[in-house]
Amino acid sequence: MDLNGTGDPELDPFEIEFLPEFREGRGPRGPFVNEYGVVIGDHDYASPNSPLENWSTDTDPSVMSGDQWVHPFKDIGFRTAENRRLFEEGIPPQSGIFMHPDKDVAYKAHRTDSPHEGSADEETGQSD
């Protein structure tokens, strides 16, 4: 398979420099063909076999989910600042970045009473 005219996955200018612990067991370095006949990892995002190119009201969006659509080394998501810090420097993302600290959407998970008895406000002692 051709990759940026070189055919050599080692010369891919879009691939980040994974730390050794993130390189092992990831999968193929070069492009591969998934079960839909779409080449993944060649940086050609318009493929005639892709469900995106053949979308209709009958297309189930879930066909575009899963590992078969993500290249283990060349996915565009690896180029974000957070992923580069993790995979190139070993710095894990900060917790709370995508959280709403003033919203506790899991409060019902911590209830000790029956969901049919009382309310969450009674349990926490909070009221409106």
N, C-alpha and C. Protein backbone atom coordinates (compact mmCIF):
# COMPACT_ATOMS: atom_id res chain seq x y z
N MET A 1 0.83 -1.18 0.00
CA MET A 1 0.00 0.00 0.00
C MET A 1 0.87 1.24 0.00
N ASP A 2 0.46 2.22 -0.73
CA ASP A 2 1.21 3.46 -0.81
C ASP A 2 0.87 4.36 0.37
N LEU A 3 1.85 5.01 0.91
CA LEU A 3 1.64 5.92 2.04
C LEU A 3 2.41 7.20 1.74
N ASN A 4 1.68 8.25 1.41
CA ASN A 4 2.31 9.54 1.09
C ASN A 4 3.37 9.41 0.01
N GLY A 5 3.17 8.49 -0.93
CA GLY A 5 4.10 8.32 -2.03
C GLY A 5 5.35 7.55 -1.68
N THR A 6 5.54 7.17 -0.41
CA THR A 6 6.77 6.48 -0.02
C THR A 6 6.56 4.99 0.17
N GLY A 7 5.38 4.60 0.64
CA GLY A 7 5.13 3.20 0.96
C GLY A 7 5.81 2.76 2.24
N ASP A 8 6.50 3.66 2.92
CA ASP A 8 7.25 3.32 4.12
C ASP A 8 6.59 3.96 5.34
N PRO A 9 5.95 3.15 6.21
CA PRO A 9 5.30 3.73 7.39
C PRO A 9 6.27 4.42 8.34
N GLU A 10 7.55 4.10 8.27
CA GLU A 10 8.54 4.75 9.13
C GLU A 10 8.76 6.21 8.75
N LEU A 11 8.38 6.59 7.52
CA LEU A 11 8.60 7.96 7.05
C LEU A 11 7.34 8.80 7.10
N ASP A 12 6.35 8.37 7.84
CA ASP A 12 5.07 9.09 7.90
C ASP A 12 5.24 10.39 8.69
N PRO A 13 5.05 11.54 8.04
CA PRO A 13 5.24 12.81 8.74
C PRO A 13 4.13 13.14 9.74
N PHE A 14 3.02 12.41 9.72
CA PHE A 14 1.91 12.70 10.61
C PHE A 14 1.92 11.86 11.88
N GLU A 15 2.77 10.86 11.93
CA GLU A 15 2.80 9.97 13.10
C GLU A 15 3.59 10.63 14.22
N ILE A 16 3.07 10.54 15.45
CA ILE A 16 3.78 11.11 16.59
C ILE A 16 4.86 10.13 17.05
N GLU A 17 5.74 10.59 17.93
CA GLU A 17 6.83 9.78 18.45
C GLU A 17 6.39 9.09 19.74
N PHE A 18 5.76 7.93 19.62
CA PHE A 18 5.29 7.19 20.78
C PHE A 18 6.46 6.75 21.65
N LEU A 19 6.29 6.86 22.97
CA LEU A 19 7.26 6.28 23.89
C LEU A 19 7.27 4.77 23.69
N PRO A 20 8.39 4.10 24.01
CA PRO A 20 8.47 2.65 23.79
C PRO A 20 7.31 1.86 24.42
N GLU A 21 6.87 2.26 25.62
CA GLU A 21 5.79 1.51 26.27
C GLU A 21 4.46 1.63 25.54
N PHE A 22 4.31 2.63 24.68
CA PHE A 22 3.08 2.78 23.92
C PHE A 22 3.19 2.22 22.50
N ARG A 23 4.39 1.80 22.09
CA ARG A 23 4.58 1.24 20.75
C ARG A 23 4.25 -0.25 20.68
N GLU A 24 4.58 -0.97 21.73
CA GLU A 24 4.44 -2.42 21.70
C GLU A 24 2.99 -2.86 21.78
N GLY A 25 2.62 -3.80 20.93
CA GLY A 25 1.29 -4.39 20.95
C GLY A 25 0.18 -3.50 20.43
N ARG A 26 0.51 -2.41 19.75
CA ARG A 26 -0.51 -1.48 19.26
C ARG A 26 -1.20 -1.99 18.01
N GLY A 27 -0.51 -2.75 17.20
CA GLY A 27 -1.06 -3.17 15.92
C GLY A 27 -0.14 -2.77 14.79
N PRO A 28 -0.65 -2.80 13.56
CA PRO A 28 0.22 -2.55 12.40
C PRO A 28 0.66 -1.09 12.31
N ARG A 29 1.90 -0.88 11.85
CA ARG A 29 2.41 0.47 11.61
C ARG A 29 1.91 0.99 10.27
N GLY A 30 1.82 0.10 9.29
CA GLY A 30 1.40 0.51 7.96
C GLY A 30 -0.11 0.55 7.82
N PRO A 31 -0.60 1.08 6.70
CA PRO A 31 -2.03 1.11 6.44
C PRO A 31 -2.61 -0.30 6.38
N PHE A 32 -3.88 -0.44 6.69
CA PHE A 32 -4.56 -1.73 6.58
C PHE A 32 -5.96 -1.50 6.01
N VAL A 33 -6.55 -2.58 5.52
CA VAL A 33 -7.90 -2.52 4.96
C VAL A 33 -8.86 -3.11 5.98
N ASN A 34 -9.89 -2.35 6.35
CA ASN A 34 -10.86 -2.87 7.32
C ASN A 34 -11.93 -3.70 6.62
N GLU A 35 -12.90 -4.20 7.38
CA GLU A 35 -13.90 -5.12 6.83
C GLU A 35 -14.80 -4.48 5.79
N TYR A 36 -14.79 -3.15 5.68
CA TYR A 36 -15.60 -2.47 4.67
C TYR A 36 -14.80 -2.18 3.41
N GLY A 37 -13.54 -2.62 3.38
CA GLY A 37 -12.70 -2.38 2.22
C GLY A 37 -12.10 -0.99 2.20
N VAL A 38 -12.11 -0.32 3.34
CA VAL A 38 -11.58 1.03 3.45
C VAL A 38 -10.15 0.96 3.99
N VAL A 39 -9.23 1.64 3.31
CA VAL A 39 -7.85 1.68 3.79
C VAL A 39 -7.77 2.66 4.95
N ILE A 40 -7.25 2.18 6.07
CA ILE A 40 -7.09 2.99 7.27
C ILE A 40 -5.60 3.26 7.46
N GLY A 41 -5.23 4.53 7.61
CA GLY A 41 -3.83 4.88 7.85
C GLY A 41 -3.11 5.38 6.63
N ASP A 42 -3.83 5.66 5.53
CA ASP A 42 -3.17 6.17 4.33
C ASP A 42 -3.37 7.67 4.15
N HIS A 43 -4.08 8.30 5.08
CA HIS A 43 -4.36 9.74 5.07
C HIS A 43 -5.25 10.17 3.91
N ASP A 44 -5.88 9.23 3.24
CA ASP A 44 -6.85 9.55 2.18
C ASP A 44 -8.22 9.29 2.79
N TYR A 45 -8.86 10.34 3.27
CA TYR A 45 -10.07 10.18 4.07
C TYR A 45 -11.33 10.00 3.25
N ALA A 46 -11.26 10.16 1.94
CA ALA A 46 -12.42 9.91 1.08
C ALA A 46 -12.19 8.60 0.35
N SER A 47 -12.87 7.56 0.77
CA SER A 47 -12.72 6.24 0.17
C SER A 47 -14.05 5.82 -0.45
N PRO A 48 -14.05 5.32 -1.67
CA PRO A 48 -15.31 4.94 -2.32
C PRO A 48 -16.08 3.86 -1.57
N ASN A 49 -15.41 3.05 -0.75
CA ASN A 49 -16.09 1.99 0.00
C ASN A 49 -16.59 2.45 1.36
N SER A 50 -16.24 3.65 1.77
CA SER A 50 -16.59 4.14 3.10
C SER A 50 -18.09 4.37 3.23
N PRO A 51 -18.66 3.97 4.38
CA PRO A 51 -20.07 4.29 4.62
C PRO A 51 -20.34 5.79 4.54
N LEU A 52 -19.34 6.61 4.85
CA LEU A 52 -19.54 8.06 4.75
C LEU A 52 -19.81 8.49 3.31
N GLU A 53 -19.18 7.82 2.37
CA GLU A 53 -19.36 8.17 0.96
C GLU A 53 -20.64 7.56 0.39
N ASN A 54 -21.26 6.64 1.13
CA ASN A 54 -22.46 5.95 0.66
C ASN A 54 -23.60 6.09 1.66
N TRP A 55 -23.62 7.19 2.38
CA TRP A 55 -24.58 7.40 3.46
C TRP A 55 -25.99 7.55 2.92
N SER A 56 -26.94 6.97 3.65
CA SER A 56 -28.36 7.14 3.32
C SER A 56 -29.15 7.10 4.62
N THR A 57 -30.45 7.28 4.52
CA THR A 57 -31.30 7.21 5.72
C THR A 57 -31.31 5.80 6.29
N ASP A 58 -30.90 4.82 5.52
CA ASP A 58 -30.86 3.43 5.99
C ASP A 58 -29.53 3.06 6.65
N THR A 59 -28.55 3.94 6.60
CA THR A 59 -27.24 3.65 7.17
C THR A 59 -27.29 3.75 8.69
N ASP A 60 -26.83 2.72 9.36
CA ASP A 60 -26.74 2.72 10.82
C ASP A 60 -25.42 3.40 11.19
N PRO A 61 -25.44 4.52 11.90
CA PRO A 61 -24.20 5.23 12.25
C PRO A 61 -23.20 4.37 13.01
N SER A 62 -23.66 3.31 13.67
CA SER A 62 -22.74 2.48 14.45
C SER A 62 -21.73 1.75 13.57
N VAL A 63 -21.99 1.67 12.25
CA VAL A 63 -21.01 1.00 11.38
C VAL A 63 -19.70 1.78 11.33
N MET A 64 -19.73 3.04 11.73
CA MET A 64 -18.52 3.87 11.70
C MET A 64 -17.83 3.91 13.07
N SER A 65 -18.18 2.99 13.96
CA SER A 65 -17.56 2.98 15.27
C SER A 65 -16.66 1.76 15.43
N GLY A 66 -15.75 1.84 16.34
CA GLY A 66 -14.90 0.70 16.66
C GLY A 66 -13.47 0.86 16.19
N ASP A 67 -12.63 -0.06 16.65
CA ASP A 67 -11.20 -0.02 16.36
C ASP A 67 -10.88 -0.15 14.88
N GLN A 68 -11.78 -0.73 14.10
CA GLN A 68 -11.51 -0.91 12.68
C GLN A 68 -11.41 0.41 11.92
N TRP A 69 -11.83 1.51 12.56
CA TRP A 69 -11.78 2.83 11.92
C TRP A 69 -10.64 3.69 12.46
N VAL A 70 -9.89 3.17 13.42
CA VAL A 70 -8.83 3.95 14.06
C VAL A 70 -7.49 3.26 13.82
N HIS A 71 -6.55 3.97 13.23
CA HIS A 71 -5.22 3.40 13.03
C HIS A 71 -4.46 3.48 14.34
N PRO A 72 -3.78 2.39 14.75
CA PRO A 72 -3.11 2.38 16.05
C PRO A 72 -1.94 3.35 16.18
N PHE A 73 -1.43 3.88 15.05
CA PHE A 73 -0.33 4.84 15.10
C PHE A 73 -0.64 6.16 14.41
N LYS A 74 -1.53 6.16 13.44
CA LYS A 74 -1.70 7.32 12.58
C LYS A 74 -3.04 8.04 12.72
N ASP A 75 -3.77 7.79 13.78
CA ASP A 75 -5.05 8.46 13.94
C ASP A 75 -4.83 9.94 14.20
N ILE A 76 -5.66 10.77 13.60
CA ILE A 76 -5.52 12.23 13.74
C ILE A 76 -5.65 12.67 15.20
N GLY A 77 -6.38 11.90 16.01
CA GLY A 77 -6.55 12.25 17.42
C GLY A 77 -5.27 12.21 18.23
N PHE A 78 -4.27 11.46 17.76
CA PHE A 78 -3.00 11.41 18.48
C PHE A 78 -2.28 12.75 18.43
N ARG A 79 -2.64 13.62 17.51
CA ARG A 79 -1.93 14.88 17.34
C ARG A 79 -2.43 15.99 18.27
N THR A 80 -3.46 15.71 19.08
CA THR A 80 -3.92 16.72 20.03
C THR A 80 -2.85 16.91 21.11
N ALA A 81 -2.86 18.07 21.73
CA ALA A 81 -1.86 18.38 22.76
C ALA A 81 -1.91 17.37 23.91
N GLU A 82 -3.12 17.01 24.34
CA GLU A 82 -3.26 16.07 25.46
C GLU A 82 -2.70 14.70 25.10
N ASN A 83 -3.01 14.21 23.91
CA ASN A 83 -2.51 12.89 23.51
C ASN A 83 -1.01 12.91 23.26
N ARG A 84 -0.49 13.99 22.73
CA ARG A 84 0.97 14.06 22.53
C ARG A 84 1.68 14.04 23.87
N ARG A 85 1.16 14.78 24.86
CA ARG A 85 1.78 14.76 26.20
C ARG A 85 1.76 13.35 26.77
N LEU A 86 0.65 12.64 26.59
CA LEU A 86 0.55 11.28 27.13
C LEU A 86 1.47 10.32 26.39
N PHE A 87 1.34 10.23 25.07
CA PHE A 87 2.04 9.20 24.30
C PHE A 87 3.50 9.52 24.00
N GLU A 88 3.88 10.80 23.99
CA GLU A 88 5.28 11.15 23.71
C GLU A 88 6.07 11.46 24.98
N GLU A 89 5.39 11.94 26.02
CA GLU A 89 6.09 12.35 27.24
C GLU A 89 5.69 11.55 28.47
N GLY A 90 4.62 10.76 28.37
CA GLY A 90 4.16 9.96 29.50
C GLY A 90 3.42 10.76 30.55
N ILE A 91 2.94 11.96 30.21
CA ILE A 91 2.22 12.81 31.16
C ILE A 91 0.72 12.55 30.99
N PRO A 92 0.08 11.94 31.99
CA PRO A 92 -1.35 11.65 31.86
C PRO A 92 -2.18 12.93 31.85
N PRO A 93 -3.36 12.88 31.24
CA PRO A 93 -4.22 14.07 31.22
C PRO A 93 -4.64 14.46 32.63
N GLN A 94 -4.86 15.74 32.83
CA GLN A 94 -5.32 16.22 34.13
C GLN A 94 -6.76 15.80 34.32
N SER A 95 -7.08 15.37 35.52
CA SER A 95 -8.47 15.03 35.79
C SER A 95 -9.27 16.31 35.90
N GLY A 96 -10.52 16.20 35.59
CA GLY A 96 -11.41 17.34 35.73
C GLY A 96 -11.51 18.24 34.53
N ILE A 97 -10.69 18.02 33.50
CA ILE A 97 -10.72 18.90 32.34
C ILE A 97 -12.09 18.91 31.69
N PHE A 98 -12.69 17.75 31.57
CA PHE A 98 -13.98 17.65 30.89
C PHE A 98 -15.12 17.42 31.88
N MET A 99 -14.92 17.83 33.11
CA MET A 99 -15.93 17.62 34.13
C MET A 99 -16.60 18.93 34.50
N HIS A 100 -17.76 18.83 35.09
CA HIS A 100 -18.48 19.98 35.61
C HIS A 100 -18.46 19.84 37.14
N PRO A 101 -17.51 20.48 37.82
CA PRO A 101 -17.36 20.26 39.25
C PRO A 101 -18.57 20.67 40.08
N ASP A 102 -19.44 21.52 39.52
CA ASP A 102 -20.61 21.94 40.28
C ASP A 102 -21.82 21.05 40.02
N LYS A 103 -21.67 20.02 39.19
CA LYS A 103 -22.78 19.11 38.86
C LYS A 103 -22.40 17.69 39.28
N ASP A 104 -23.22 17.07 40.10
CA ASP A 104 -23.00 15.68 40.49
C ASP A 104 -24.09 14.84 39.87
N VAL A 105 -23.82 14.33 38.68
CA VAL A 105 -24.85 13.57 37.97
C VAL A 105 -24.95 12.14 38.47
N ALA A 106 -24.06 11.74 39.37
CA ALA A 106 -24.09 10.37 39.88
C ALA A 106 -24.69 10.28 41.27
N TYR A 107 -25.34 11.35 41.74
CA TYR A 107 -25.80 11.33 43.13
C TYR A 107 -26.75 10.17 43.41
N LYS A 108 -27.56 9.75 42.44
CA LYS A 108 -28.49 8.64 42.69
C LYS A 108 -27.76 7.32 42.89
N ALA A 109 -26.57 7.20 42.37
CA ALA A 109 -25.80 5.97 42.52
C ALA A 109 -25.36 5.76 43.96
N HIS A 110 -25.34 6.80 44.75
CA HIS A 110 -24.89 6.71 46.14
C HIS A 110 -26.04 6.67 47.13
N ARG A 111 -27.26 6.52 46.64
CA ARG A 111 -28.42 6.51 47.54
C ARG A 111 -28.41 5.25 48.39
N THR A 112 -28.79 5.39 49.63
CA THR A 112 -28.90 4.24 50.52
C THR A 112 -30.35 3.85 50.73
N ASP A 113 -31.26 4.75 50.39
CA ASP A 113 -32.68 4.44 50.55
C ASP A 113 -33.22 3.86 49.24
N SER A 114 -34.42 3.36 49.30
CA SER A 114 -35.07 2.87 48.10
C SER A 114 -35.37 4.05 47.19
N PRO A 115 -35.23 3.90 45.88
CA PRO A 115 -35.52 5.02 44.99
C PRO A 115 -36.98 5.47 45.09
N HIS A 116 -37.84 4.63 45.66
CA HIS A 116 -39.25 4.99 45.79
C HIS A 116 -39.55 5.65 47.13
N GLU A 117 -38.57 5.64 48.03
CA GLU A 117 -38.75 6.25 49.35
C GLU A 117 -37.88 7.49 49.44
N GLY A 118 -38.44 8.58 49.86
CA GLY A 118 -37.67 9.79 50.07
C GLY A 118 -37.13 10.35 48.76
N SER A 119 -36.23 11.31 48.91
CA SER A 119 -35.62 11.92 47.73
C SER A 119 -34.14 12.11 47.98
N ALA A 120 -33.43 12.45 46.94
CA ALA A 120 -32.00 12.70 47.08
C ALA A 120 -31.75 13.89 47.99
N ASP A 121 -32.66 14.89 47.96
CA ASP A 121 -32.50 16.05 48.83
C ASP A 121 -32.57 15.64 50.30
N GLU A 122 -33.49 14.71 50.62
CA GLU A 122 -33.59 14.24 52.00
C GLU A 122 -32.32 13.51 52.41
N GLU A 123 -31.75 12.73 51.48
CA GLU A 123 -30.56 11.96 51.79
C GLU A 123 -29.36 12.86 52.06
N THR A 124 -29.21 13.91 51.28
CA THR A 124 -28.04 14.77 51.44
C THR A 124 -28.28 15.89 52.43
N GLY A 125 -29.55 16.06 52.83
CA GLY A 125 -29.86 17.14 53.74
C GLY A 125 -29.95 18.48 53.04
N GLN A 126 -29.96 18.45 51.72
CA GLN A 126 -30.05 19.70 50.96
C GLN A 126 -31.48 19.94 50.55
N SER A 127 -31.81 21.17 50.39
CA SER A 127 -33.13 21.52 49.87
C SER A 127 -32.98 22.69 48.93
N ASP A 128 -34.04 22.92 48.14
CA ASP A 128 -34.00 24.02 47.16
C ASP A 128 -34.11 25.35 47.83
